[in-house]
Amino acid sequence: MSDIRELYQQVIIDHGRRPRNFGKLTEATYQKVGVNPLCGDKLVLYIKVENDKITDIKFEGEGCAISMASCSLMTEKLIGTPIDEAQAIFNEFHELITHGKCQHEAKLGKLNILKGVSEFPARVKCATLAWQTINAALTGQQGEVSTE
């Protein structure tokens, strides 16, 4: 196995076991539940927005290492990001995960470690659950988000 692939796996395992920004955010502007029935992943996202900028994100829940790592990495990437920029990042990430490439991979930074998920279609839903959930929250979609 290449050193870079091993490093990527270590980062996913680390974020999966010790997710960043895990917990409840009591002053959240948005709260949204997301589920992946196929894998059993479930999360609640808490998002705080001020002046059209994401100022904080926390999450609670449980799921596989890919789901938890993706959510953890997402929170790190999007805190401090204007909502319109977060939407652009969502689109790039979704393209990367579903097709294995995107137009602006450099813009995604550490999120690129999840690129290999595109080779495993059953895991794509795990990696995109948090992203679909935050997108639904920020665009005002009603109800629980499901990957099915």
C-alpha atoms as a PDB file:
ATOM      1  CA  MET A   1       0.000   0.000   0.000  1.00  0.00           C
ATOM      2  CA  SER A   2       1.331   3.450  -0.817  1.00  0.00           C
ATOM      3  CA  ASP A   3       2.334   5.751   2.021  1.00  0.00           C
ATOM      4  CA  ILE A   4      -0.217   8.373   0.943  1.00  0.00           C
ATOM      5  CA  ARG A   5      -3.079   5.850   0.881  1.00  0.00           C
ATOM      6  CA  GLU A   6      -2.069   4.646   4.350  1.00  0.00           C
ATOM      7  CA  LEU A   7      -2.001   8.244   5.596  1.00  0.00           C
ATOM      8  CA  TYR A   8      -5.481   8.819   4.167  1.00  0.00           C
ATOM      9  CA  GLN A   9      -6.790   5.734   5.939  1.00  0.00           C
ATOM     10  CA  GLN A  10      -5.222   6.913   9.203  1.00  0.00           C
ATOM     11  CA  VAL A  11      -6.906  10.310   8.895  1.00  0.00           C
ATOM     12  CA  ILE A  12     -10.285   8.678   8.249  1.00  0.00           C
ATOM     13  CA  ILE A  13      -9.842   6.358  11.229  1.00  0.00           C
ATOM     14  CA  ASP A  14      -8.745   9.261  13.451  1.00  0.00           C
ATOM     15  CA  HIS A  15     -11.731  11.463  12.495  1.00  0.00           C
ATOM     16  CA  GLY A  16     -14.048   8.451  12.721  1.00  0.00           C
ATOM     17  CA  ARG A  17     -12.947   7.584  16.250  1.00  0.00           C
ATOM     18  CA  ARG A  18     -12.415  11.130  17.521  1.00  0.00           C
ATOM     19  CA  PRO A  19     -14.680  13.358  15.445  1.00  0.00           C
ATOM     20  CA  ARG A  20     -14.053  17.073  15.682  1.00  0.00           C
ATOM     21  CA  ASN A  21     -16.900  19.406  16.656  1.00  0.00           C
ATOM     22  CA  PHE A  22     -18.896  16.543  18.169  1.00  0.00           C
ATOM     23  CA  GLY A  23     -21.606  17.638  20.589  1.00  0.00           C
ATOM     24  CA  LYS A  24     -24.705  19.774  20.822  1.00  0.00           C
ATOM     25  CA  LEU A  25     -24.803  23.452  19.882  1.00  0.00           C
ATOM     26  CA  THR A  26     -27.498  25.087  21.985  1.00  0.00           C
ATOM     27  CA  GLU A  27     -27.552  28.385  20.067  1.00  0.00           C
ATOM     28  CA  ALA A  28     -27.938  26.780  16.637  1.00  0.00           C
ATOM     29  CA  THR A  29     -29.731  28.672  13.886  1.00  0.00           C
ATOM     30  CA  TYR A  30     -30.514  25.391  12.101  1.00  0.00           C
ATOM     31  CA  GLN A  31     -30.897  21.832  13.322  1.00  0.00           C
ATOM     32  CA  LYS A  32     -31.347  18.919  10.934  1.00  0.00           C
ATOM     33  CA  VAL A  33     -31.485  15.130  11.250  1.00  0.00           C
ATOM     34  CA  GLY A  34     -29.918  12.921   8.591  1.00  0.00           C
ATOM     35  CA  VAL A  35     -30.100   9.136   8.265  1.00  0.00           C
ATOM     36  CA  ASN A  36     -28.570   6.480   6.061  1.00  0.00           C
ATOM     37  CA  PRO A  37     -30.865   3.470   6.588  1.00  0.00           C
ATOM     38  CA  LEU A  38     -28.653   1.160   4.525  1.00  0.00           C
ATOM     39  CA  CYS A  39     -25.635   1.560   6.838  1.00  0.00           C
ATOM     40  CA  GLY A  40     -27.385   2.654  10.046  1.00  0.00           C
ATOM     41  CA  ASP A  41     -25.738   6.087  10.161  1.00  0.00           C
ATOM     42  CA  LYS A  42     -27.732   8.780  11.961  1.00  0.00           C
ATOM     43  CA  LEU A  43     -26.698  12.298  12.834  1.00  0.00           C
ATOM     44  CA  VAL A  44     -28.086  15.578  14.048  1.00  0.00           C
ATOM     45  CA  LEU A  45     -26.375  18.689  12.703  1.00  0.00           C
ATOM     46  CA  TYR A  46     -26.441  21.970  14.591  1.00  0.00           C
ATOM     47  CA  ILE A  47     -25.464  24.979  12.487  1.00  0.00           C
ATOM     48  CA  LYS A  48     -25.026  28.554  13.633  1.00  0.00           C
ATOM     49  CA  VAL A  49     -25.215  31.230  10.937  1.00  0.00           C
ATOM     50  CA  GLU A  50     -24.560  34.933  11.403  1.00  0.00           C
ATOM     51  CA  ASN A  51     -24.539  37.474   8.552  1.00  0.00           C
ATOM     52  CA  ASP A  52     -24.802  34.709   5.917  1.00  0.00           C
ATOM     53  CA  LYS A  53     -21.697  32.987   7.287  1.00  0.00           C
ATOM     54  CA  ILE A  54     -21.453  29.625   9.061  1.00  0.00           C
ATOM     55  CA  THR A  55     -19.921  30.524  12.407  1.00  0.00           C
ATOM     56  CA  ASP A  56     -20.180  27.132  14.092  1.00  0.00           C
ATOM     57  CA  ILE A  57     -21.235  23.545  13.399  1.00  0.00           C
ATOM     58  CA  LYS A  58     -21.539  20.672  15.812  1.00  0.00           C
ATOM     59  CA  PHE A  59     -23.047  17.242  15.420  1.00  0.00           C
ATOM     60  CA  GLU A  60     -24.245  14.279  17.411  1.00  0.00           C
ATOM     61  CA  GLY A  61     -24.905  10.788  16.218  1.00  0.00           C
ATOM     62  CA  GLU A  62     -23.360   7.515  15.311  1.00  0.00           C
ATOM     63  CA  GLY A  63     -22.289   5.742  12.202  1.00  0.00           C
ATOM     64  CA  CYS A  64     -19.512   4.059  10.336  1.00  0.00           C
ATOM     65  CA  ALA A  65     -15.975   5.499  10.236  1.00  0.00           C
ATOM     66  CA  ILE A  66     -16.516   7.053   6.798  1.00  0.00           C
ATOM     67  CA  SER A  67     -19.734   8.772   7.832  1.00  0.00           C
ATOM     68  CA  MET A  68     -18.262  10.159  11.056  1.00  0.00           C
ATOM     69  CA  ALA A  69     -14.995  11.185   9.385  1.00  0.00           C
ATOM     70  CA  SER A  70     -16.813  12.931   6.553  1.00  0.00           C
ATOM     71  CA  CYS A  71     -18.980  14.868   8.996  1.00  0.00           C
ATOM     72  CA  SER A  72     -15.994  15.777  11.147  1.00  0.00           C
ATOM     73  CA  LEU A  73     -13.969  16.958   8.148  1.00  0.00           C
ATOM     74  CA  MET A  74     -17.000  18.856   6.832  1.00  0.00           C
ATOM     75  CA  THR A  75     -17.354  20.809  10.067  1.00  0.00           C
ATOM     76  CA  GLU A  76     -13.688  21.767   9.992  1.00  0.00           C
ATOM     77  CA  LYS A  77     -13.955  22.897   6.375  1.00  0.00           C
ATOM     78  CA  LEU A  78     -17.199  24.871   6.630  1.00  0.00           C
ATOM     79  CA  ILE A  79     -16.862  26.748   9.935  1.00  0.00           C
ATOM     80  CA  GLY A  80     -16.163  30.356   9.012  1.00  0.00           C
ATOM     81  CA  THR A  81     -17.416  29.908   5.441  1.00  0.00           C
ATOM     82  CA  PRO A  82     -20.075  32.098   3.784  1.00  0.00           C
ATOM     83  CA  ILE A  83     -23.200  30.101   2.902  1.00  0.00           C
ATOM     84  CA  ASP A  84     -22.796  30.615  -0.859  1.00  0.00           C
ATOM     85  CA  GLU A  85     -19.213  29.342  -0.694  1.00  0.00           C
ATOM     86  CA  ALA A  86     -20.354  26.364   1.405  1.00  0.00           C
ATOM     87  CA  GLN A  87     -22.815  25.522  -1.390  1.00  0.00           C
ATOM     88  CA  ALA A  88     -19.986  25.584  -3.947  1.00  0.00           C
ATOM     89  CA  ILE A  89     -17.880  23.314  -1.707  1.00  0.00           C
ATOM     90  CA  PHE A  90     -20.860  20.958  -1.324  1.00  0.00           C
ATOM     91  CA  ASN A  91     -21.163  20.707  -5.128  1.00  0.00           C
ATOM     92  CA  GLU A  92     -17.429  20.058  -5.584  1.00  0.00           C
ATOM     93  CA  PHE A  93     -17.370  17.459  -2.798  1.00  0.00           C
ATOM     94  CA  HIS A  94     -20.416  15.680  -4.203  1.00  0.00           C
ATOM     95  CA  GLU A  95     -18.765  15.533  -7.621  1.00  0.00           C
ATOM     96  CA  LEU A  96     -15.541  14.174  -6.084  1.00  0.00           C
ATOM     97  CA  ILE A  97     -17.317  11.460  -4.101  1.00  0.00           C
ATOM     98  CA  THR A  98     -19.641  10.340  -6.870  1.00  0.00           C
ATOM     99  CA  HIS A  99     -17.214  10.563  -9.817  1.00  0.00           C
ATOM    100  CA  GLY A 100     -13.736  10.392  -8.259  1.00  0.00           C
ATOM    101  CA  LYS A 101     -12.793  13.827  -9.540  1.00  0.00           C
ATOM    102  CA  CYS A 102     -13.987  17.405  -9.558  1.00  0.00           C
ATOM    103  CA  GLN A 103     -13.013  20.637 -11.210  1.00  0.00           C
ATOM    104  CA  HIS A 104     -11.433  22.298  -8.158  1.00  0.00           C
ATOM    105  CA  GLU A 105      -9.925  19.515  -6.020  1.00  0.00           C
ATOM    106  CA  ALA A 106      -7.366  21.907  -4.508  1.00  0.00           C
ATOM    107  CA  LYS A 107     -10.247  23.939  -3.054  1.00  0.00           C
ATOM    108  CA  LEU A 108     -11.365  20.881  -1.057  1.00  0.00           C
ATOM    109  CA  GLY A 109      -8.113  20.491   0.901  1.00  0.00           C
ATOM    110  CA  LYS A 110      -8.275  17.607   3.402  1.00  0.00           C
ATOM    111  CA  LEU A 111     -11.642  16.515   2.028  1.00  0.00           C
ATOM    112  CA  ASN A 112      -9.738  14.909  -0.848  1.00  0.00           C
ATOM    113  CA  ILE A 113      -8.842  12.023   1.454  1.00  0.00           C
ATOM    114  CA  LEU A 114     -12.372  10.739   0.892  1.00  0.00           C
ATOM    115  CA  LYS A 115     -11.894  10.591  -2.885  1.00  0.00           C
ATOM    116  CA  GLY A 116     -11.373   6.824  -2.810  1.00  0.00           C
ATOM    117  CA  VAL A 117     -14.946   6.349  -1.591  1.00  0.00           C
ATOM    118  CA  SER A 118     -16.064   6.855  -5.194  1.00  0.00           C
ATOM    119  CA  GLU A 119     -14.712   3.360  -5.925  1.00  0.00           C
ATOM    120  CA  PHE A 120     -17.231   1.856  -3.482  1.00  0.00           C
ATOM    121  CA  PRO A 121     -20.771   2.930  -4.469  1.00  0.00           C
ATOM    122  CA  ALA A 122     -22.318   1.535  -1.274  1.00  0.00           C
ATOM    123  CA  ARG A 123     -20.076   3.856   0.783  1.00  0.00           C
ATOM    124  CA  VAL A 124     -20.912   7.030  -1.174  1.00  0.00           C
ATOM    125  CA  LYS A 125     -24.080   7.452   0.897  1.00  0.00           C
ATOM    126  CA  CYS A 126     -22.011   7.222   4.084  1.00  0.00           C
ATOM    127  CA  ALA A 127     -19.633   9.951   2.902  1.00  0.00           C
ATOM    128  CA  THR A 128     -22.378  12.281   1.657  1.00  0.00           C
ATOM    129  CA  LEU A 129     -24.894  11.993   4.504  1.00  0.00           C
ATOM    130  CA  ALA A 130     -23.582  14.970   6.494  1.00  0.00           C
ATOM    131  CA  TRP A 131     -23.268  17.036   3.321  1.00  0.00           C
ATOM    132  CA  GLN A 132     -26.811  16.292   2.184  1.00  0.00           C
ATOM    133  CA  THR A 133     -28.020  17.131   5.683  1.00  0.00           C
ATOM    134  CA  ILE A 134     -26.290  20.510   5.902  1.00  0.00           C
ATOM    135  CA  ASN A 135     -27.391  21.367   2.370  1.00  0.00           C
ATOM    136  CA  ALA A 136     -31.008  20.574   3.278  1.00  0.00           C
ATOM    137  CA  ALA A 137     -30.768  22.689   6.435  1.00  0.00           C
ATOM    138  CA  LEU A 138     -29.271  25.707   4.684  1.00  0.00           C
ATOM    139  CA  THR A 139     -31.728  25.567   1.769  1.00  0.00           C
ATOM    140  CA  GLY A 140     -34.779  25.224   4.036  1.00  0.00           C
ATOM    141  CA  GLN A 141     -35.827  21.701   3.079  1.00  0.00           C
ATOM    142  CA  GLN A 142     -38.384  20.275   5.470  1.00  0.00           C
ATOM    143  CA  GLY A 143     -38.223  16.955   7.292  1.00  0.00           C
ATOM    144  CA  GLU A 144     -35.547  14.418   7.989  1.00  0.00           C
ATOM    145  CA  VAL A 145     -32.862  13.850   5.353  1.00  0.00           C
ATOM    146  CA  SER A 146     -32.447  10.283   4.116  1.00  0.00           C
ATOM    147  CA  THR A 147     -29.914   8.872   1.689  1.00  0.00           C
ATOM    148  CA  GLU A 148     -32.607   6.496   0.369  1.00  0.00           C
END
